[in-house]
Amino acid sequence: MSIDNAIASVAVKELRSAVRWYETLLERAPDSTPMPEVAEWKFPRGGWLQVYQLPERAGSGSFTLAVSNIEEVVANVEKLGIDATQRNSGAKVKTLMIVDPDGNHIAFAEAAVKGNFMDKDAPGVDVGTKCGHPCERLDGPTKHDFGCCICMGETQLCTSCEKRRLAENPVGQNDESVNTPGSRHH
């Protein structure tokens, strides 16, 4: 199975008022309305946010929006009169949590580590299929078919780089700085 992208979706009680709220928050109209009960926003690096009307599930969702400047988001959210006090900052990520009018939780996250999967300035980004994390390969930094990335500051190597790493550090010689392919991300 090959997954090319992900869509965050969130249920709301009434679509028309929710779209107005999200338009204000995201500072733009939806990119599409594929069905009468659905509005969608597309983001530059390939992700989507889908807001859909389903009152019985409204308020039980959550999603994260990756941003490049959390302080800019905080200022915008405060300007809109939305509570911006739920902030957290660590070595790898800075976050802001807010709640939409239906009770869904929205996290804004800024990578604190350059090259992180949320970093829009990561070198060589090819949206949807590859990131540009420059694994140290014998032939130098390159793009990878495995989706090589830095996930919250931890490196995950493509298949060829992982094979090289295992050849250099046989099993039993623990290298905790690397998540191997198939390992669990945060």
Foldseek 3Di string as FASTA:
>chain_A
DDDQADEAEAEAADQVVLQVVVCLLVVHHFPDDPDPFWGKHADPQGYMYIYGYDNVRFQVAEDEAEDADVVVSLVSCVVVVWDFPPWDDDCFKTWTWTAPPRNHIYIYIHGNDPQAPSHPPNPPCDGRAWGQDQQQDPVGGDIARQRWGQHSNATEDHPVSLVVVCVVPPPPRDDVRHDYPPGDGD
